[in-house]
Protein backbone atom coordinates (compact mmCIF):
# COMPACT_ATOMS: atom_id res chain seq x y z
CA MET A 1 -11.22 2.76 -44.36
CA TYR A 2 -13.65 0.03 -44.65
CA MET A 3 -12.94 -3.78 -43.30
CA ASN A 4 -15.22 -6.50 -44.60
CA PHE A 5 -15.41 -9.69 -42.53
CA ALA A 6 -13.13 -11.54 -44.00
CA ASP A 7 -10.22 -8.59 -43.14
CA ARG A 8 -11.46 -8.34 -39.60
CA GLU A 9 -11.62 -12.92 -38.44
CA MET A 10 -8.28 -12.81 -40.40
CA PHE A 11 -6.53 -9.82 -38.30
CA ALA A 12 -8.20 -11.32 -35.17
CA TYR A 13 -6.87 -14.99 -36.17
CA ASN A 14 -3.41 -13.39 -36.99
CA SER A 15 -2.87 -11.06 -33.50
CA TYR A 16 -4.45 -14.09 -31.24
CA ARG A 17 -1.89 -16.42 -32.64
CA GLU A 18 1.33 -13.84 -32.81
CA LYS A 19 0.24 -13.68 -28.92
CA GLN A 20 0.11 -17.00 -28.85
CA LYS A 21 3.79 -17.71 -30.17
CA ALA A 22 4.99 -15.34 -28.04
CA GLU A 23 3.87 -17.01 -24.58
CA ILE A 24 5.26 -20.65 -25.80
CA ASP A 25 8.67 -18.66 -26.64
CA ARG A 26 9.08 -17.06 -23.46
CA ILE A 27 8.13 -20.60 -21.95
CA ASN A 28 10.28 -22.32 -24.14
CA ALA A 29 13.04 -20.30 -23.23
CA HIS A 30 13.59 -21.48 -19.97
CA PRO A 31 15.25 -25.18 -20.66
CA GLU A 32 13.57 -26.00 -17.27
CA GLN A 33 9.96 -25.25 -18.29
CA ARG A 34 10.30 -27.38 -22.24
CA MET A 35 11.28 -30.16 -19.10
CA LYS A 36 8.60 -30.01 -17.56
CA TYR A 37 6.22 -29.93 -20.62
CA CYS A 38 8.31 -33.43 -21.65
CA PHE A 39 6.93 -35.09 -18.73
CA SER A 40 3.70 -33.74 -18.99
CA PHE A 41 3.04 -34.99 -21.86
CA MET A 42 4.42 -38.60 -21.81
CA GLU A 43 2.22 -39.16 -19.17
CA GLY A 44 -0.29 -40.64 -21.62
CA ALA A 45 1.96 -41.96 -23.35
CA ASP A 46 2.68 -45.78 -24.33
CA ASP A 47 5.49 -47.97 -23.04
CA GLN A 48 7.62 -47.44 -26.37
CA THR A 49 7.11 -44.04 -26.39
CA ARG A 50 7.55 -43.29 -23.01
CA GLU A 51 11.54 -44.91 -23.81
CA LYS A 52 12.17 -43.06 -26.92
CA CYS A 53 11.22 -39.39 -24.83
CA TYR A 54 13.08 -40.50 -21.83
CA ASN A 55 15.83 -41.29 -23.73
CA LEU A 56 15.79 -37.71 -25.66
CA ILE A 57 14.95 -35.88 -22.87
CA ALA A 58 18.38 -37.31 -20.95
CA GLN A 59 20.61 -36.57 -23.84
CA TYR A 60 19.33 -33.05 -23.66
CA SER A 61 19.53 -32.76 -20.01
CA ALA A 62 22.90 -33.12 -20.05
CA GLN A 63 23.36 -30.58 -22.51
CA LEU A 64 22.41 -28.32 -20.03
CA ASP A 65 25.30 -26.09 -18.22
CA SER A 66 23.34 -23.64 -15.70
CA SER A 67 20.46 -25.82 -15.24
CA GLU A 68 18.91 -28.01 -12.75
CA ALA A 69 16.88 -30.44 -15.30
CA HIS A 70 19.56 -32.90 -14.84
CA PHE A 71 19.41 -33.35 -11.06
């Protein structure tokens, strides 16, 4: 079967996106990793954004039962 260039490019893109999504899902399966990502995101944020994020992180970490993210 013959595939044209556009089809091959779309196949390669979709394959890459599936792998990328699987990796993100694997990382996000662990609450501690999500918390780590939030803190790394806030490094360059302004004070207002940082305050909002810290408040939401506190709410989220209070919901975690088996995680040490709240310590």
